[in-house]
Protein backbone atom coordinates (compact mmCIF):
# COMPACT_ATOMS: atom_id res chain seq x y z
CA MET A 1 14.66 84.70 339.12
CA THR A 2 13.85 87.30 341.80
CA ASN A 3 14.27 85.98 345.29
CA TRP A 4 13.83 89.11 347.36
CA THR A 5 12.73 92.79 346.89
CA ALA A 6 13.44 95.92 348.68
CA ARG A 7 12.57 99.63 348.72
CA LEU A 8 15.04 102.39 348.21
CA ALA A 9 14.33 105.93 348.75
CA VAL A 10 16.62 108.44 346.93
CA ILE A 11 16.82 111.86 348.32
CA SER A 12 18.15 114.52 345.79
CA GLY A 13 19.20 117.89 347.02
CA GLY A 14 19.80 119.47 343.75
CA LEU A 15 18.62 123.11 343.49
CA SER A 16 18.17 123.18 339.49
CA GLU A 17 16.21 121.10 337.12
CA GLU A 18 19.01 119.12 335.62
CA SER A 19 22.17 119.19 337.94
CA SER A 20 25.03 117.04 338.73
CA THR A 21 23.43 116.30 342.00
CA HIS A 22 20.54 114.44 340.32
CA ARG A 23 23.00 112.64 338.06
CA LEU A 24 24.87 111.50 341.02
CA ALA A 25 21.44 110.44 342.64
CA GLN A 26 20.57 108.38 339.47
CA LEU A 27 24.05 107.08 339.17
CA LEU A 28 24.00 105.55 342.77
CA SER A 29 20.47 104.29 342.55
CA ASP A 30 21.16 102.43 339.41
CA ALA A 31 24.20 100.83 340.91
CA VAL A 32 22.18 99.70 343.88
CA VAL A 33 19.60 98.04 341.46
CA GLU A 34 22.23 96.47 339.43
CA SER A 35 23.94 95.06 342.58
CA ALA A 36 20.83 93.72 343.81
CA ARG A 37 20.05 92.12 340.54
CA GLU A 38 23.62 90.40 340.67
CA GLN A 39 22.54 88.82 344.21
CA GLY A 40 19.05 87.67 342.98
CA GLY A 41 17.04 90.59 344.16
CA GLU A 42 14.93 93.43 342.93
CA VAL A 43 15.06 97.04 344.18
CA VAL A 44 12.18 99.35 343.73
CA VAL A 45 13.39 102.97 343.61
CA GLU A 46 11.29 105.75 344.91
CA ARG A 47 12.97 109.25 344.26
CA ILE A 48 12.13 112.53 346.21
CA ASP A 49 13.50 115.76 344.81
CA LEU A 50 13.66 118.36 347.48
CA ARG A 51 13.67 121.36 344.93
CA ALA A 52 9.92 120.55 344.11
CA LEU A 53 9.28 120.41 347.89
CA ALA A 54 10.94 123.62 348.82
CA HIS A 55 7.78 125.72 349.97
CA ASP A 56 6.40 122.58 351.81
CA ILE A 57 9.44 122.15 353.65
CA THR A 58 9.59 125.83 354.80
CA THR A 59 5.92 125.18 355.83
CA ALA A 60 6.52 122.48 357.86
CA SER A 61 9.46 124.17 359.52
CA LEU A 62 7.49 127.12 360.56
CA THR A 63 4.11 125.39 361.42
CA GLY A 64 5.12 121.89 362.39
CA PHE A 65 2.85 120.44 360.14
CA ALA A 66 3.76 118.65 356.83
CA PRO A 67 1.56 119.74 353.73
CA PRO A 68 0.11 116.82 351.65
CA ALA A 69 2.99 116.63 349.01
CA LEU A 70 5.64 116.48 351.88
CA ALA A 71 3.71 113.86 354.01
CA ASP A 72 3.54 111.79 351.04
CA ALA A 73 7.24 112.12 350.73
CA TYR A 74 7.80 111.16 354.49
CA GLU A 75 5.62 108.01 353.99
CA VAL A 76 7.88 106.98 351.22
CA LEU A 77 10.86 107.51 353.32
CA GLY A 78 9.24 105.73 356.27
CA ALA A 79 8.66 102.69 354.00
CA ALA A 80 12.08 102.54 352.63
CA ASP A 81 14.36 99.59 353.44
CA ALA A 82 17.46 101.64 352.35
CA MET A 83 18.35 105.14 351.10
CA VAL A 84 20.61 107.28 349.04
CA ALA A 85 20.95 110.69 350.04
CA VAL A 86 22.76 113.40 347.81
CA THR A 87 23.33 116.99 348.31
CA PRO A 88 25.43 119.89 346.50
CA THR A 89 28.16 121.20 348.43
CA TYR A 90 27.49 124.86 349.72
CA LYS A 91 30.02 126.67 352.03
CA ALA A 92 31.87 123.20 352.91
CA SER A 93 28.74 121.69 353.87
CA PHE A 94 24.97 120.44 352.66
CA THR A 95 22.61 123.13 351.74
CA GLY A 96 19.91 124.69 353.63
CA LEU A 97 17.09 122.86 351.88
CA PHE A 98 18.70 119.60 352.37
CA LYS A 99 19.29 120.31 356.17
CA SER A 100 15.72 121.72 356.48
CA PHE A 101 14.10 118.53 355.17
CA TRP A 102 15.90 116.45 357.68
CA ASP A 103 15.02 119.20 360.54
CA ALA A 104 11.23 118.50 359.75
CA THR A 105 11.52 114.76 359.79
CA ALA A 106 9.99 112.83 362.50
CA GLY A 107 12.64 111.04 364.85
CA GLY A 108 13.40 107.45 364.64
CA VAL A 109 12.31 107.27 360.88
CA LEU A 110 16.01 106.49 359.96
CA SER A 111 16.77 104.34 362.76
CA GLY A 112 18.68 101.36 361.49
CA VAL A 113 18.23 102.31 357.82
CA PRO A 114 21.45 101.50 355.61
CA VAL A 115 22.28 104.65 353.81
CA ILE A 116 24.70 105.67 351.08
CA VAL A 117 25.76 109.47 351.24
CA GLY A 118 26.92 111.17 348.48
CA ALA A 119 27.93 114.96 347.29
CA THR A 120 28.71 117.08 344.36
CA GLY A 121 30.95 120.18 344.17
CA GLY A 122 32.86 122.51 342.29
CA SER A 123 36.41 120.99 342.81
CA ALA A 124 37.71 117.94 344.92
CA ARG A 125 38.68 120.51 347.74
CA HIS A 126 35.23 119.76 349.10
CA SER A 127 35.25 116.13 349.01
CA LEU A 128 35.41 115.70 352.88
CA VAL A 129 31.96 117.00 353.09
CA THR A 130 30.73 113.76 353.13
CA ASP A 131 32.65 112.72 356.26
CA THR A 132 32.46 116.07 357.95
CA ALA A 133 28.71 116.92 357.35
CA LEU A 134 26.80 114.19 356.04
CA ARG A 135 28.11 111.30 358.21
CA PRO A 136 27.61 113.17 361.44
CA LEU A 137 23.87 114.25 360.45
CA PHE A 138 23.01 110.66 359.78
CA ALA A 139 24.61 109.00 362.69
CA TYR A 140 22.60 111.65 364.76
CA MET A 141 19.49 110.02 363.05
CA LYS A 142 20.61 106.61 363.81
CA ALA A 143 21.09 105.66 360.21
CA LEU A 144 23.62 103.03 359.25
CA VAL A 145 26.10 105.14 356.88
CA MET A 146 27.89 102.94 354.59
CA PRO A 147 31.69 103.02 354.69
CA THR A 148 32.09 104.22 351.20
CA ALA A 149 30.76 107.74 350.42
CA VAL A 150 30.72 109.24 346.91
CA TYR A 151 31.86 112.75 346.05
CA ALA A 152 31.60 114.11 342.64
CA ALA A 153 33.72 116.76 341.39
CA PRO A 154 33.56 117.93 337.58
CA ASP A 155 36.55 116.15 336.68
CA ASP A 156 35.06 112.93 338.15
CA TRP A 157 32.62 112.46 335.61
CA ALA A 158 35.02 111.93 332.87
CA GLY A 159 36.83 108.94 334.12
CA GLY A 160 35.42 105.41 335.50
CA SER A 161 36.42 106.09 339.10
CA LEU A 162 32.97 107.54 339.97
CA ALA A 163 31.19 104.52 338.70
CA ALA A 164 33.85 102.28 340.50
CA ARG A 165 32.92 104.11 343.81
CA SER A 166 29.40 103.96 343.23
CA ALA A 167 29.53 100.16 342.57
CA ALA A 168 31.41 99.66 345.64
CA ALA A 169 28.83 101.70 348.06
CA ALA A 170 26.10 99.84 346.18
CA ALA A 171 27.30 96.46 347.04
CA GLU A 172 28.03 97.49 350.72
CA LEU A 173 24.42 98.63 350.74
CA VAL A 174 22.99 95.49 349.31
CA ASP A 175 25.06 93.21 351.64
CA GLN A 176 23.89 95.30 354.67
CA LEU A 177 20.18 94.69 353.38
CA ARG A 178 20.62 91.04 353.22
CA ARG A 179 22.28 90.80 356.56
CA GLN A 180 19.45 92.81 358.37
CA GLY A 181 16.89 90.43 356.32
CA VAL A 182 14.48 93.38 355.88
CA ALA A 183 14.05 92.62 352.09
CA SER A 184 10.52 91.27 351.27
CA GLU A 185 9.67 87.98 349.75
CA ALA A 186 9.67 88.06 345.99
CA GLY A 187 6.10 88.95 344.40
CA ASP A 188 5.70 91.75 347.19
CA THR A 189 6.84 94.47 344.77
CA PRO A 190 4.08 97.03 344.29
CA GLU A 191 2.66 96.83 340.63
CA GLY A 192 1.99 99.91 338.33
CA GLY A 193 3.89 102.45 336.54
CA VAL A 194 6.20 105.27 337.63
CA ALA A 195 4.58 108.60 338.45
CA ARG A 196 5.76 111.62 339.87
CA VAL A 197 3.56 113.23 342.75
CA ASP A 198 4.97 116.79 343.77
CA GLY A 199 8.57 115.83 343.84
CA VAL A 200 8.12 112.19 344.78
CA THR A 201 8.38 109.44 342.36
CA SER A 202 6.43 106.49 343.32
CA VAL A 203 6.17 102.90 342.09
CA ASN A 204 2.62 102.36 342.51
CA GLY A 205 1.12 105.39 340.96
CA ALA A 206 1.16 107.65 344.04
CA ALA A 207 3.18 108.07 347.22
CA GLY A 208 0.18 107.39 349.40
CA MET A 209 -0.75 105.29 352.25
CA ASP A 210 -0.37 101.90 350.24
CA VAL A 211 3.44 102.56 349.80
CA ALA A 212 3.85 102.98 353.53
CA ARG A 213 1.80 99.86 354.65
CA GLY A 214 2.75 97.26 352.01
CA ALA A 215 5.54 95.57 353.91
CA ASP A 216 6.83 94.27 357.09
CA ASP A 217 8.86 97.28 357.65
CA VAL A 218 6.09 99.48 357.91
CA VAL A 219 6.03 102.80 359.65
CA CYS A 220 4.28 102.02 362.85
CA GLY A 221 3.69 103.37 366.53
CA ALA A 222 4.12 107.16 366.99
CA ASP A 223 5.12 110.02 364.77
CA VAL A 224 3.65 108.61 361.44
CA PRO A 225 3.08 111.63 358.88
CA ARG A 226 -0.17 111.55 357.19
CA ALA A 227 -1.32 112.79 354.01
CA GLY A 228 -3.38 115.57 355.32
CA GLY A 229 -0.58 117.23 357.40
CA GLY A 230 0.42 116.66 360.92
CA TRP A 231 1.24 113.39 362.53
CA SER A 232 -0.56 110.20 363.33
CA THR A 233 -0.12 107.74 366.24
CA GLU A 234 -2.39 105.02 364.68
CA ARG A 235 -1.20 101.63 364.52
CA THR A 236 -1.40 99.40 361.34
CA GLU A 237 -3.40 95.96 361.13
CA ARG A 238 -0.04 94.01 360.78
CA GLU A 239 1.28 95.64 363.96
CA ASP A 240 -1.73 94.68 365.80
CA ALA A 241 -1.50 91.22 364.57
CA ASP A 242 1.98 90.82 365.65
CA SER A 243 1.15 91.94 369.07
CA THR A 244 -1.79 89.58 369.24
CA ALA A 245 0.21 86.69 368.00
CA GLN A 246 2.62 87.31 370.87
CA LEU A 247 -0.08 87.26 373.69
CA PRO A 248 -0.79 83.97 375.65
CA GLY A 249 -3.93 82.32 374.23
CA ALA A 250 -4.00 84.42 371.06
CA SER A 251 -6.38 83.19 368.39
CA SER A 252 -5.09 81.07 365.70
CA SER A 253 -7.22 83.05 363.24
CA SER A 254 -4.56 85.83 363.45
CA SER A 255 -2.65 87.06 360.26
CA VAL A 256 0.47 86.13 362.05
CA THR A 257 0.45 82.91 363.83
CA ALA A 258 1.96 82.12 367.33
CA ALA A 259 4.35 79.61 365.51
CA THR A 260 5.96 82.39 363.41
CA ALA A 261 6.21 84.94 366.35
CA PRO A 262 9.42 83.19 367.90
CA SER A 263 11.25 83.33 364.85
CA ARG A 264 10.44 86.84 364.24
CA GLN A 265 11.55 87.63 367.60
CA ALA A 266 14.74 85.86 367.76
CA VAL A 267 16.40 88.29 365.35
CA PRO A 268 15.23 91.82 365.73
CA THR A 269 13.86 93.37 362.53
CA LEU A 270 14.51 97.06 361.06
CA ALA A 271 10.75 97.52 361.68
CA ALA A 272 11.19 96.59 365.46
CA THR A 273 14.22 98.77 365.88
CA ARG A 274 12.67 101.76 364.16
CA ALA A 275 9.28 101.43 366.25
CA ARG A 276 11.26 101.29 369.48
CA ALA A 277 13.10 104.38 368.30
CA ARG A 278 9.79 106.26 367.91
CA ASP A 279 8.53 105.32 371.41
CA PRO A 280 9.30 107.79 373.96
CA PHE A 281 8.98 105.40 376.74
CA VAL A 282 11.39 102.66 375.34
CA GLY A 283 14.91 103.29 374.83
CA VAL A 284 16.67 102.34 371.55
CA PRO A 285 18.25 98.82 371.98
CA THR A 286 22.10 98.53 372.11
CA MET A 287 23.94 96.71 369.48
CA GLU A 288 24.55 93.77 372.01
CA GLN A 289 21.08 93.52 372.73
CA MET A 290 19.93 93.55 369.24
CA LEU A 291 22.56 90.67 368.40
CA ASN A 292 21.52 88.73 371.56
CA GLY A 293 17.77 88.93 370.73
């Protein structure tokens, strides 16, 4: 029986059609799905392959506007409860394509999001790339990087250590998801098959607005990418309902009742943290403020 569901965005920076980077991304996502199943949950995996978005990433870097396919990818990323990010190792660091994708990402999108980082390389000599390059990058973006990072050299694929490390990282991610309470109730999982839309694999047929607005942890406030390119500051109906429910004398017909508002405010949610991070006039809360409500 499924007691909870969560969305997992998998970012693969592999530069070839079939690469060890894609294999590692698949291994990590499968480990997260299995770990969630063991804890009575279900994970919806949505994969973004940067190779297919290379031209759009360059366009966004030069113009400041995301083409439709890249905007779809950012919406998938913004709606995710957790993320797996994997890159090849080039010159002792991540690739330029991988970095350019994050350079074009709106600020605050990853605030409070649990992340597993992984990398592949030609030898074990580059195994510290996860700590020297990837951790600082995602720490700057306010993500919660899991303690176990996974690096895969050619020799690692032959033994069982790679699977064991992947399972350990997945268990940490699922535990963090459950502690944050960001997982959706059972039955909220989007229905439909798995389709690929210009580099984005979306479980719902397409990676559009329905993906980004189907859960409580929806991207909201400022800096929301839209399918037509550029950014939108529009608010969602759910966000408006939450605001109405917190106002004195709010109507009882609101989709979020006043009775449920205090419980949501007692424990700050991932959505609230990410919304605050996007608001230039509101400071990001400290860990002490989040724990004290």
